[in-house]
Protein backbone atom coordinates (compact mmCIF):
# COMPACT_ATOMS: atom_id res chain seq x y z
CA MET A 1 38.27 -3.71 -88.26
CA VAL A 2 38.34 -1.38 -85.24
CA ASP A 3 35.51 0.94 -84.24
CA LYS A 4 37.37 3.70 -82.42
CA ARG A 5 34.17 5.43 -81.32
CA GLN A 6 33.19 2.52 -79.08
CA GLY A 7 36.60 1.01 -78.35
CA THR A 8 35.44 -2.38 -79.63
CA ARG A 9 36.97 -4.72 -82.14
CA PRO A 10 34.81 -7.27 -84.00
CA LEU A 11 37.10 -10.15 -84.91
CA ASN A 12 34.91 -12.32 -87.13
CA PRO A 13 32.79 -10.72 -89.87
CA ASN A 14 30.86 -13.89 -90.91
CA PRO A 15 27.49 -14.02 -89.07
CA ASP A 16 27.26 -17.82 -89.50
CA GLN A 17 30.37 -18.31 -87.39
CA PRO A 18 31.01 -17.45 -83.76
CA ARG A 19 31.44 -13.71 -83.31
CA GLN A 20 33.95 -12.16 -80.95
CA LEU A 21 34.21 -8.69 -79.54
CA VAL A 22 37.15 -7.40 -77.51
CA LEU A 23 36.08 -4.97 -74.79
CA ALA A 24 37.89 -2.74 -72.35
CA GLY A 25 37.59 -3.88 -68.75
CA GLU A 26 35.48 -0.87 -67.77
CA PRO A 27 31.79 -0.52 -66.80
CA GLN A 28 30.58 1.09 -70.04
CA SER A 29 31.65 -2.04 -71.92
CA ALA A 30 28.61 -3.89 -70.55
CA ARG A 31 26.31 -1.67 -72.62
CA GLN A 32 28.36 -2.37 -75.76
CA ALA A 33 28.24 -6.11 -75.03
CA ARG A 34 24.44 -6.05 -74.67
CA GLN A 35 23.99 -4.28 -78.00
CA PHE A 36 26.49 -6.58 -79.71
CA ALA A 37 24.65 -9.66 -78.37
CA ARG A 38 21.23 -8.36 -79.44
CA ASP A 39 22.46 -7.47 -82.94
CA TYR A 40 24.25 -10.78 -83.40
CA VAL A 41 21.33 -12.96 -82.33
CA MET A 42 18.83 -10.98 -84.40
CA ARG A 43 21.06 -11.47 -87.48
CA SER A 44 21.85 -15.11 -86.77
CA GLU A 45 18.34 -16.18 -85.77
CA PRO A 46 15.99 -13.75 -87.56
CA GLY A 47 12.82 -15.42 -86.25
CA ALA A 48 13.99 -15.69 -82.64
CA ALA A 49 11.41 -14.95 -79.95
CA GLU A 50 11.96 -11.69 -78.10
CA ASP A 51 12.18 -13.46 -74.71
CA TYR A 52 14.97 -15.67 -76.07
CA VAL A 53 16.88 -12.63 -77.32
CA ASP A 54 16.27 -10.78 -74.02
CA THR A 55 17.59 -13.77 -72.05
CA ILE A 56 20.76 -13.87 -74.14
CA VAL A 57 21.26 -10.13 -73.64
CA LEU A 58 20.76 -10.46 -69.86
CA VAL A 59 23.14 -13.44 -69.62
CA THR A 60 25.71 -11.54 -71.67
CA SER A 61 25.36 -8.52 -69.41
CA GLU A 62 25.82 -10.60 -66.25
CA LEU A 63 28.90 -12.41 -67.58
CA VAL A 64 30.56 -9.25 -68.87
CA THR A 65 29.75 -7.26 -65.72
CA ASN A 66 31.18 -10.02 -63.51
CA SER A 67 34.29 -10.16 -65.67
CA ILE A 68 34.77 -6.40 -65.41
CA ARG A 69 34.28 -6.39 -61.63
CA TYR A 70 36.21 -9.51 -60.69
CA GLY A 71 38.26 -10.63 -63.71
CA THR A 72 40.04 -7.50 -64.86
CA GLU A 73 42.29 -4.81 -63.50
CA PRO A 74 42.70 -1.28 -64.89
CA GLY A 75 43.96 -1.48 -68.47
CA ASP A 76 42.86 -5.10 -69.01
CA ALA A 77 40.57 -6.26 -71.78
CA LEU A 78 38.11 -9.13 -72.04
CA ALA A 79 36.75 -11.06 -75.00
CA LEU A 80 33.08 -11.83 -75.60
CA THR A 81 32.30 -14.68 -77.99
CA LEU A 82 28.80 -15.59 -79.17
CA HIS A 83 27.69 -18.57 -81.20
CA THR A 84 24.07 -19.20 -82.14
CA ARG A 85 22.75 -22.24 -83.91
CA ARG A 86 19.23 -23.62 -84.13
CA GLY A 87 17.80 -22.04 -81.01
CA ARG A 88 20.89 -22.45 -78.84
CA THR A 89 23.29 -19.64 -78.04
CA ARG A 90 26.61 -19.99 -76.29
CA VAL A 91 28.01 -16.88 -74.62
CA GLU A 92 31.66 -16.94 -73.55
CA VAL A 93 33.59 -14.25 -71.70
CA ARG A 94 37.35 -14.62 -71.41
CA ASP A 95 39.33 -12.53 -68.95
CA PRO A 96 42.92 -12.60 -67.65
CA VAL A 97 42.20 -13.62 -64.03
CA ARG A 98 42.19 -17.33 -63.11
CA ARG A 99 40.04 -16.87 -60.00
CA ARG A 100 36.71 -18.59 -60.62
CA PRO A 101 33.34 -16.99 -59.89
CA GLN A 102 31.91 -17.93 -56.50
CA PRO A 103 28.20 -17.73 -55.72
CA ARG A 104 27.42 -15.55 -52.72
CA PRO A 105 24.69 -16.26 -50.22
CA GLU A 106 21.52 -14.39 -51.08
CA SER A 107 21.26 -11.07 -49.27
CA HIS A 108 18.78 -8.21 -49.42
CA LYS A 109 21.34 -5.85 -47.87
CA ARG A 110 23.67 -5.78 -50.91
CA ASP A 111 22.82 -4.26 -54.23
CA ARG A 112 25.02 -6.72 -56.11
CA GLY A 113 26.22 -10.31 -55.91
CA ARG A 114 23.16 -11.89 -57.52
CA GLY A 115 24.59 -12.46 -61.01
CA LEU A 116 25.34 -16.15 -60.60
CA LEU A 117 21.92 -16.74 -59.05
CA ILE A 118 20.38 -15.14 -62.14
CA LEU A 119 22.48 -17.35 -64.40
CA ASP A 120 21.37 -20.45 -62.47
CA GLU A 121 17.75 -19.61 -63.31
CA LEU A 122 18.27 -18.72 -66.98
CA CYS A 123 20.83 -21.11 -68.42
CA HIS A 124 23.47 -23.77 -67.99
CA TRP A 125 26.87 -22.20 -67.27
CA GLY A 126 30.40 -23.09 -66.26
CA VAL A 127 34.04 -22.07 -66.20
CA ASP A 128 37.01 -23.38 -68.19
CA ASP A 129 40.65 -22.59 -67.63
CA ALA A 130 42.36 -20.73 -70.46
CA ALA A 131 46.05 -20.27 -71.24
CA PHE A 132 45.96 -16.82 -69.69
CA GLY A 133 42.96 -16.56 -67.38
CA LYS A 134 39.58 -18.23 -67.70
CA VAL A 135 36.48 -18.48 -69.85
CA VAL A 136 33.08 -18.23 -68.18
CA TRP A 137 30.43 -19.61 -70.52
CA ALA A 138 26.68 -19.97 -70.60
CA GLU A 139 24.28 -21.75 -72.94
CA VAL A 140 20.79 -20.40 -73.53
CA ILE A 141 18.24 -22.66 -75.23
CA ALA A 142 15.09 -21.31 -76.86
CA LYS A 143 11.88 -22.54 -75.27
């Protein structure tokens, strides 16, 4: 099913299974990814604490934004996959660029470059090679 209004494509309709959304590699896709993550977690874990849901949404936003900025070129797409089970959510973002994310030294002079520092505080994350590109993943555990 394709939602032409938002340019997104849900690939797995069963909420008990991982859900995937294909997004355009453009800045407005981050908003779509945040809403998708919030909706998915609220459906998959109906009693989830709001801070847990907010953390998942923030982690999703950081991963998708980094992928758009550093893992795509004009015309590229990226795939967001979410899987929630018993208070643990895995967020994966796959993009076509093999270059791995690199933490930058903290600086108060830049208005960006803090995404990986945020991830370090909120979750466990890593990078896996994919056939065409990479998958940056993060796991958020309910407290």
